[in-house]
Amino acid sequence: METQEEGKTEKTFKNFGKRVDDFLVEFNEAGERLRKEFEVKLEELKVSAEKIKKEAENNERWKEVEDNLKKAGDEFGNAFKAAFKKRNP
C-alpha cells in the first residue's frame, strides 16, 4: 500500500513539474513577444518624436509662440518681484 502512495505522489510531482516547465516555456515566449512589440512601439515613438521636433523647429509660428511665452514669463516674474519686494518706509 505504501509503494502505491509513493507512486501516486511521484506521478503527481512529475505531472506538476511538467506543467511548471510548460508554463515557463509559455511565459518566456510571451515575454519575448512583448519585448519585441515594445521595441517596435518604442521605435515608432522615437520616429514620431523626431518628426514633431523637426516640424516644430521648421515652423516659424512655434518660434513666435516660444518667444511670446518667454516674454510672458519675464513679465510675470517682474510682476511677482514688484508685488513682493520690500518697500522702504
Protein backbone atom coordinates (compact mmCIF):
# COMPACT_ATOMS: atom_id res chain seq x y z
CA MET A 1 0.00 0.00 0.00
CA GLU A 2 2.84 2.32 0.87
CA THR A 3 4.51 1.86 -2.52
CA GLN A 4 1.25 2.75 -4.27
CA GLU A 5 1.12 6.01 -2.28
CA GLU A 6 4.74 6.73 -3.21
CA GLY A 7 3.98 6.02 -6.85
CA LYS A 8 0.98 8.37 -6.81
CA THR A 9 2.99 11.10 -5.14
CA GLU A 10 5.85 10.72 -7.60
CA LYS A 11 3.41 10.79 -10.50
CA THR A 12 1.73 13.91 -9.06
CA PHE A 13 5.06 15.71 -8.65
CA LYS A 14 6.19 14.62 -12.11
CA ASN A 15 2.95 15.95 -13.61
CA PHE A 16 3.30 19.16 -11.61
CA GLY A 17 6.90 19.58 -12.77
CA LYS A 18 5.86 19.08 -16.39
CA ARG A 19 3.16 21.73 -16.03
CA VAL A 20 5.63 24.14 -14.45
CA ASP A 21 8.07 23.51 -17.31
CA ASP A 22 5.31 24.11 -19.88
CA PHE A 23 4.28 27.28 -18.07
CA LEU A 24 7.85 28.59 -18.04
CA VAL A 25 8.22 27.94 -21.76
CA GLU A 26 4.98 29.82 -22.49
CA PHE A 27 5.99 32.57 -20.08
CA ASN A 28 9.35 33.04 -21.80
CA GLU A 29 7.74 33.05 -25.25
CA ALA A 30 5.19 35.64 -24.13
CA GLY A 31 7.95 37.74 -22.61
CA GLU A 32 9.92 37.62 -25.85
CA ARG A 33 6.84 38.63 -27.89
CA LEU A 34 6.15 41.52 -25.53
CA ARG A 35 9.79 42.66 -25.70
CA LYS A 36 9.66 42.68 -29.50
CA GLU A 37 6.35 44.58 -29.51
CA PHE A 38 7.78 47.06 -27.01
CA GLU A 39 10.86 47.63 -29.19
CA VAL A 40 8.66 48.23 -32.26
CA LYS A 41 6.44 50.69 -30.37
CA LEU A 42 9.48 52.44 -28.92
CA GLU A 43 10.95 52.89 -32.38
CA GLU A 44 7.62 54.24 -33.65
CA LEU A 45 7.55 56.74 -30.78
CA LYS A 46 11.13 57.81 -31.48
CA VAL A 47 10.30 58.39 -35.15
CA SER A 48 7.17 60.34 -34.22
CA ALA A 49 9.05 62.44 -31.67
CA GLU A 50 11.77 63.26 -34.19
CA LYS A 51 9.16 64.19 -36.79
CA ILE A 52 7.36 66.51 -34.36
CA LYS A 53 10.67 68.03 -33.28
CA LYS A 54 11.62 68.76 -36.89
CA GLU A 55 8.19 70.21 -37.63
CA ALA A 56 8.43 72.44 -34.58
CA GLU A 57 11.93 73.60 -35.49
CA ASN A 58 10.88 74.40 -39.04
CA ASN A 59 7.64 76.07 -38.16
CA GLU A 60 8.03 79.82 -37.65
CA ARG A 61 4.74 80.01 -35.78
CA TRP A 62 6.14 77.82 -32.98
CA LYS A 63 9.19 80.06 -32.70
CA GLU A 64 6.88 83.05 -32.31
CA VAL A 65 4.86 81.22 -29.66
CA GLU A 66 8.05 80.32 -27.82
CA ASP A 67 9.26 83.94 -27.91
CA ASN A 68 5.92 85.22 -26.66
CA LEU A 69 5.86 82.67 -23.85
CA LYS A 70 9.35 83.75 -22.80
CA LYS A 71 8.24 87.38 -22.77
CA ALA A 72 5.14 86.50 -20.76
CA GLY A 73 7.29 84.57 -18.27
CA ASP A 74 9.62 87.55 -17.89
CA GLU A 75 6.68 89.91 -17.37
CA PHE A 76 5.16 87.55 -14.81
CA GLY A 77 8.49 87.42 -12.98
CA ASN A 78 8.72 91.21 -12.95
CA ALA A 79 5.15 91.50 -11.67
CA PHE A 80 5.87 88.96 -8.93
CA LYS A 81 9.01 90.83 -7.87
CA ALA A 82 7.14 94.15 -7.83
CA ALA A 83 4.32 92.73 -5.76
CA PHE A 84 6.56 91.24 -3.12
CA LYS A 85 9.60 93.48 -3.00
CA LYS A 86 10.22 95.30 0.25
CA ARG A 87 9.32 98.94 0.31
CA ASN A 88 11.44 101.45 2.17
CA PRO A 89 9.26 103.47 4.61
